Amino acid sequence: MTDLGGALGRVTLTASASELDAAPLKDASRLSFNQATAERASLSEVIEACARHGVPGISIWRHKLAQLGVERAAKQLRDAGIWVSSLCRGGMFPALSAAERAARIDDNRRAIDDAATLGAEVLVLVCGASEDRDISAARAMVADGIAAIAPYAAERGVRLGIEPLHPAFAAERSCITTMREARLISEQFEASNVGVVVDVYHVWWDPERADEIARLGDRIAGYHVNDWLVPVKNVLMNRGMMGDGVIELRKIRGEIERAGYTGPIEVEIFNESIWERPLDELVRLTKERFVEVS
């Protein structure tokens, strides 16, 4: 039994662990193959591979999009019948000078335009880290940066998704490291305009995870799956294929679905050994593990 009552959205879990796990997925209809999982391949090659293997969705990274061109990419996606769950990445708001902060705002607007052209549902925000050790100031710049682009994103029909990263990335990639931080920023805006992207790699460890997911509710803008391998050798490249690590994937999906999220599920894996696999083998394995384990 789950009680979502209380002024702060407190969650009381009294069911057994098995009852809290999500039911097995019946098929791959919610699967979105994140381009980062096949970093060695071009965007065009990934689109073709997804079409061959019946993967219905894709998440695109901007450096791959730049190589192909947004108009060509949009046409190839339409021809292949593949939808786009998200474009990554926007964000990177903190900077030492006002001029550089303004330049980053402009870059985010260009990313919003590309997301709209692709029909991407979400622009994922990897928010950026402090460049002068003042992490509090960096967090303020993140909030200010999102406020600067949110109206434009709403006009273009693109939702902004704040992705909190594991605390190990606080000094280099994002000063937003918990779902609570991301939620508090998102609550300054309409839920349809700014939400939170939940990636299991970054949040599986959080003792407040279940409570925060429940609080997020319709602010969940995306859900990413992968696995945390042990022992850790390189935090950035430590993601594994679902089922190869320690993350309780179905338990977290249960939390996500009880919060009301039933949208795309992206598989995003940074791992050299994964990248070295032949593309068709990798897409086929991703689809299999997605259904069997996620």
Protein backbone atom coordinates (compact mmCIF):
# COMPACT_ATOMS: atom_id res chain seq x y z
CA MET A 1 0.00 0.00 0.00
CA THR A 2 1.33 3.42 -0.95
CA ASP A 3 0.28 6.58 0.87
CA LEU A 4 0.97 9.78 -1.05
CA GLY A 5 -0.54 11.98 1.61
CA GLY A 6 1.00 14.71 3.68
CA ALA A 7 1.78 18.34 3.00
CA LEU A 8 5.23 17.47 1.66
CA GLY A 9 4.09 14.56 -0.46
CA ARG A 10 5.54 12.01 1.97
CA VAL A 11 5.49 8.44 0.67
CA THR A 12 4.88 5.52 3.02
CA LEU A 13 5.62 2.13 1.50
CA THR A 14 4.08 -0.89 3.21
CA ALA A 15 3.95 -3.35 0.31
CA SER A 16 6.53 -6.07 -0.16
CA ALA A 17 9.49 -5.43 -2.42
CA SER A 18 8.12 -7.67 -5.17
CA GLU A 19 4.79 -5.82 -5.16
CA LEU A 20 6.63 -2.53 -5.65
CA ASP A 21 8.48 -3.74 -8.73
CA ALA A 22 7.03 -2.82 -12.10
CA ALA A 23 5.54 -5.59 -14.18
CA PRO A 24 7.79 -6.92 -16.94
CA LEU A 25 7.61 -4.95 -20.16
CA LYS A 26 5.55 -6.73 -22.82
CA ASP A 27 7.41 -5.28 -25.78
CA ALA A 28 9.79 -2.52 -26.91
CA SER A 29 7.12 0.04 -27.81
CA ARG A 30 8.49 2.55 -25.29
CA LEU A 31 12.14 2.04 -26.20
CA SER A 32 14.22 5.00 -27.33
CA PHE A 33 17.80 4.23 -28.33
CA ASN A 34 20.01 7.03 -27.07
CA GLN A 35 22.70 7.91 -29.61
CA ALA A 36 25.34 7.93 -26.85
CA THR A 37 24.97 4.15 -26.59
CA ALA A 38 26.50 3.90 -30.09
CA GLU A 39 29.03 6.73 -29.95
CA ARG A 40 31.17 5.16 -32.69
CA ALA A 41 28.31 5.26 -35.22
CA SER A 42 26.88 8.22 -37.13
CA LEU A 43 23.35 9.43 -36.58
CA SER A 44 22.35 8.17 -40.02
CA GLU A 45 23.73 4.70 -39.23
CA VAL A 46 21.87 4.58 -35.90
CA ILE A 47 18.58 5.58 -37.52
CA GLU A 48 19.00 2.83 -40.13
CA ALA A 49 19.89 0.24 -37.48
CA CYS A 50 16.90 1.16 -35.32
CA ALA A 51 14.64 0.83 -38.35
CA ARG A 52 16.08 -2.61 -39.19
CA HIS A 53 15.55 -3.92 -35.67
CA GLY A 54 12.16 -2.40 -34.94
CA VAL A 55 13.33 0.13 -32.36
CA PRO A 56 10.64 2.83 -32.46
CA GLY A 57 12.42 5.83 -30.92
CA ILE A 58 15.75 7.57 -30.74
CA SER A 59 17.41 10.24 -28.60
CA ILE A 60 19.84 12.44 -30.50
CA TRP A 61 23.02 14.19 -29.38
CA ARG A 62 23.83 17.55 -30.92
CA HIS A 63 27.37 16.74 -32.03
CA LYS A 64 26.00 13.86 -34.12
CA LEU A 65 23.18 16.04 -35.40
CA ALA A 66 25.67 18.68 -36.54
CA GLN A 67 27.46 16.12 -38.70
CA LEU A 68 24.29 15.15 -40.56
CA GLY A 69 22.36 18.43 -40.49
CA VAL A 70 19.03 18.99 -38.82
CA GLU A 71 16.90 19.08 -41.99
CA ARG A 72 18.46 15.90 -43.40
CA ALA A 73 18.08 14.20 -40.04
CA ALA A 74 14.43 15.18 -39.76
CA LYS A 75 13.71 13.77 -43.23
CA GLN A 76 15.55 10.50 -42.56
CA LEU A 77 13.65 10.06 -39.31
CA ARG A 78 10.31 10.69 -41.01
CA ASP A 79 11.15 8.27 -43.81
CA ALA A 80 12.16 5.60 -41.27
CA GLY A 81 9.06 6.17 -39.12
CA ILE A 82 11.14 6.77 -35.99
CA TRP A 83 10.15 9.31 -33.33
CA VAL A 84 12.55 11.43 -31.28
CA SER A 85 12.21 11.33 -27.51
CA SER A 86 14.81 13.99 -26.76
CA LEU A 87 17.69 16.10 -27.97
CA CYS A 88 20.81 16.32 -25.81
CA ARG A 89 22.23 18.48 -24.65
CA GLY A 90 21.27 21.97 -23.64
CA GLY A 91 22.33 23.65 -20.41
CA MET A 92 25.93 24.38 -19.42
CA PHE A 93 24.74 27.71 -18.03
CA PRO A 94 27.43 28.74 -15.49
CA ALA A 95 30.25 30.91 -16.89
CA LEU A 96 32.71 33.43 -15.54
CA SER A 97 31.55 36.40 -17.64
CA ALA A 98 28.18 37.86 -18.52
CA ALA A 99 29.12 37.68 -22.21
CA GLU A 100 29.83 33.96 -22.01
CA ARG A 101 26.61 33.33 -20.09
CA ALA A 102 24.70 35.18 -22.80
CA ALA A 103 26.43 33.11 -25.48
CA ARG A 104 25.33 29.94 -23.73
CA ILE A 105 21.74 31.19 -23.59
CA ASP A 106 21.90 31.77 -27.34
CA ASP A 107 23.26 28.26 -27.86
CA ASN A 108 20.36 26.85 -25.87
CA ARG A 109 17.91 28.71 -28.08
CA ARG A 110 19.54 27.12 -31.13
CA ALA A 111 19.18 23.73 -29.47
CA ILE A 112 15.48 24.45 -28.87
CA ASP A 113 15.07 25.28 -32.56
CA ASP A 114 16.72 22.00 -33.55
CA ALA A 115 14.56 20.04 -31.11
CA ALA A 116 11.43 21.62 -32.58
CA THR A 117 12.54 20.78 -36.13
CA LEU A 118 13.17 17.15 -35.17
CA GLY A 119 9.88 16.88 -33.29
CA ALA A 120 11.81 16.04 -30.12
CA GLU A 121 9.62 16.05 -27.05
CA VAL A 122 12.36 17.23 -24.67
CA LEU A 123 15.61 19.19 -24.67
CA VAL A 124 17.75 17.55 -21.97
CA LEU A 125 19.64 20.06 -19.82
CA VAL A 126 23.02 19.01 -18.46
CA CYS A 127 23.23 22.11 -16.37
CA GLY A 128 26.95 22.80 -16.07
CA ALA A 129 29.46 23.17 -13.25
CA SER A 130 31.07 26.07 -11.45
CA GLU A 131 34.13 27.50 -13.14
CA ASP A 132 35.47 29.28 -10.05
CA ARG A 133 34.68 26.90 -7.15
CA ASP A 134 31.52 28.83 -6.17
CA ILE A 135 28.96 26.07 -6.56
CA SER A 136 26.16 28.14 -4.99
CA ALA A 137 26.66 30.86 -7.59
CA ALA A 138 26.70 28.21 -10.31
CA ARG A 139 23.35 26.87 -9.12
CA ALA A 140 21.91 30.37 -9.26
CA MET A 141 23.20 30.74 -12.83
CA VAL A 142 21.46 27.51 -13.75
CA ALA A 143 18.13 28.76 -12.43
CA ASP A 144 18.62 32.10 -14.20
CA GLY A 145 19.58 30.37 -17.44
CA ILE A 146 16.50 28.17 -17.44
CA ALA A 147 14.32 31.21 -16.73
CA ALA A 148 15.90 32.93 -19.73
CA ILE A 149 15.08 30.14 -22.19
CA ALA A 150 11.85 28.68 -20.79
CA PRO A 151 9.51 31.15 -22.56
CA TYR A 152 11.21 30.51 -25.90
CA ALA A 153 11.00 26.75 -25.40
CA ALA A 154 7.29 27.05 -24.63
CA GLU A 155 6.76 29.04 -27.83
CA ARG A 156 8.51 26.33 -29.85
CA GLY A 157 6.64 23.48 -28.16
CA VAL A 158 9.75 21.98 -26.55
CA ARG A 159 9.85 20.87 -22.94
CA LEU A 160 13.02 21.48 -20.94
CA GLY A 161 14.21 18.49 -18.93
CA ILE A 162 16.66 19.15 -16.07
CA GLU A 163 18.83 16.08 -15.60
CA PRO A 164 20.45 15.84 -12.16
CA LEU A 165 23.80 14.05 -12.38
CA HIS A 166 25.53 11.84 -9.84
CA PRO A 167 27.48 13.95 -7.29
CA ALA A 168 30.74 12.64 -8.76
CA PHE A 169 30.11 14.98 -11.72
CA ALA A 170 29.51 18.12 -9.66
CA ALA A 171 32.92 19.66 -10.38
CA GLU A 172 32.93 19.04 -14.13
CA ARG A 173 29.47 18.59 -15.62
CA SER A 174 26.62 19.65 -13.37
CA CYS A 175 26.15 21.45 -10.08
CA ILE A 176 22.62 19.98 -9.99
CA THR A 177 23.15 16.57 -8.44
CA THR A 178 19.88 15.50 -6.81
CA MET A 179 16.28 15.19 -7.89
CA ARG A 180 15.32 17.55 -5.09
CA GLU A 181 17.53 20.32 -6.51
CA ALA A 182 16.14 19.73 -9.99
CA ARG A 183 12.56 19.60 -8.73
CA LEU A 184 12.85 22.87 -6.82
CA ILE A 185 14.08 24.65 -9.95
CA SER A 186 11.42 23.06 -12.14
CA GLU A 187 8.67 24.12 -9.72
CA GLN A 188 9.34 27.75 -10.66
CA PHE A 189 7.75 26.97 -14.05
CA GLU A 190 4.75 25.21 -15.53
CA ALA A 191 5.21 21.44 -15.45
CA SER A 192 4.46 21.26 -19.17
CA ASN A 193 7.35 23.66 -19.84
CA VAL A 194 10.11 22.49 -17.43
CA GLY A 195 10.47 19.04 -15.91
CA VAL A 196 13.08 16.62 -14.62
CA VAL A 197 14.82 13.77 -16.44
CA VAL A 198 15.41 10.75 -14.20
CA ASP A 199 18.43 8.66 -15.17
CA VAL A 200 18.87 5.57 -13.00
CA TYR A 201 22.66 5.82 -13.20
CA HIS A 202 22.57 9.18 -11.46
CA VAL A 203 19.84 8.59 -8.87
CA TRP A 204 19.72 4.89 -7.94
CA TRP A 205 21.79 5.50 -4.79
CA ASP A 206 19.67 8.37 -3.39
CA PRO A 207 17.90 7.40 -0.13
CA GLU A 208 15.22 9.98 -0.97
CA ARG A 209 14.72 8.61 -4.48
CA ALA A 210 11.27 7.08 -4.05
CA ASP A 211 9.94 10.14 -2.22
CA GLU A 212 11.35 12.52 -4.82
CA ILE A 213 10.00 10.56 -7.76
CA ALA A 214 6.56 10.61 -6.13
CA ARG A 215 6.82 14.36 -5.59
CA LEU A 216 7.82 14.92 -9.19
CA GLY A 217 4.65 13.37 -10.58
CA ASP A 218 3.85 14.99 -13.92
CA ARG A 219 7.16 16.85 -13.80
CA ILE A 220 8.98 13.71 -14.92
CA ALA A 221 10.08 14.70 -18.43
CA GLY A 222 12.10 11.60 -19.28
CA TYR A 223 13.40 8.32 -17.92
CA HIS A 224 16.80 6.77 -18.77
CA VAL A 225 17.93 3.21 -18.03
CA ASN A 226 21.33 1.49 -17.98
CA ASP A 227 23.23 -0.12 -15.09
CA TRP A 228 25.94 0.64 -12.52
CA LEU A 229 28.87 -1.75 -12.89
CA VAL A 230 31.15 -2.87 -10.05
CA PRO A 231 33.97 -2.41 -9.44
CA VAL A 232 34.02 1.17 -10.72
CA LYS A 233 37.06 2.05 -12.81
CA ASN A 234 35.91 5.25 -14.52
CA VAL A 235 32.73 6.95 -13.30
CA LEU A 236 31.90 8.52 -16.64
CA MET A 237 32.33 5.27 -18.61
CA ASN A 238 31.00 2.91 -15.94
CA ARG A 239 27.48 2.45 -17.30
CA GLY A 240 26.59 -1.07 -18.29
CA MET A 241 23.89 -2.86 -20.22
CA MET A 242 20.73 -3.41 -18.20
CA GLY A 243 21.11 -6.48 -16.01
CA ASP A 244 24.91 -6.36 -15.82
CA GLY A 245 25.10 -4.19 -12.69
CA VAL A 246 23.50 -3.50 -9.31
CA ILE A 247 20.57 -1.16 -10.07
CA GLU A 248 17.07 -2.37 -9.13
CA LEU A 249 15.61 -1.40 -12.49
CA ARG A 250 12.07 -2.71 -12.11
CA LYS A 251 11.74 -1.23 -8.65
CA ILE A 252 12.69 2.21 -9.96
CA ARG A 253 10.38 1.84 -12.98
CA GLY A 254 7.62 0.97 -10.52
CA GLU A 255 8.27 4.24 -8.70
CA ILE A 256 8.30 6.13 -12.00
CA GLU A 257 5.05 4.59 -13.22
CA ARG A 258 3.25 5.10 -9.91
CA ALA A 259 4.19 8.77 -10.23
CA GLY A 260 2.27 8.78 -13.52
CA TYR A 261 5.02 8.59 -16.14
CA THR A 262 4.26 6.27 -19.05
CA GLY A 263 6.37 7.93 -21.75
CA PRO A 264 9.52 6.88 -23.61
CA ILE A 265 12.30 5.03 -21.84
CA GLU A 266 15.77 5.83 -23.16
CA VAL A 267 18.71 3.46 -23.01
CA GLU A 268 21.82 5.63 -22.55
CA ILE A 269 25.16 3.89 -21.99
CA PHE A 270 28.65 5.40 -21.88
CA ASN A 271 31.04 2.46 -22.03
CA GLU A 272 33.97 1.74 -24.35
CA SER A 273 33.28 -2.00 -24.50
CA ILE A 274 29.66 -1.29 -25.46
CA TRP A 275 30.79 1.17 -28.14
CA GLU A 276 33.13 -1.41 -29.65
CA ARG A 277 30.30 -3.83 -30.42
CA PRO A 278 29.05 -4.06 -34.02
CA LEU A 279 26.09 -1.70 -34.35
CA ASP A 280 23.48 -4.30 -35.32
CA GLU A 281 24.55 -6.56 -32.46
CA LEU A 282 24.38 -3.63 -30.04
CA VAL A 283 20.89 -2.50 -31.11
CA ARG A 284 19.60 -6.08 -30.98
CA LEU A 285 21.06 -6.64 -27.49
CA THR A 286 19.69 -3.31 -26.26
CA LYS A 287 16.19 -4.23 -27.39
CA GLU A 288 16.41 -7.67 -25.80
CA ARG A 289 17.66 -6.44 -22.43
CA PHE A 290 15.18 -3.57 -22.45
CA VAL A 291 12.26 -6.00 -22.53
CA GLU A 292 13.79 -8.70 -20.34
CA VAL A 293 15.31 -6.59 -17.54
CA SER A 294 14.15 -2.97 -17.57
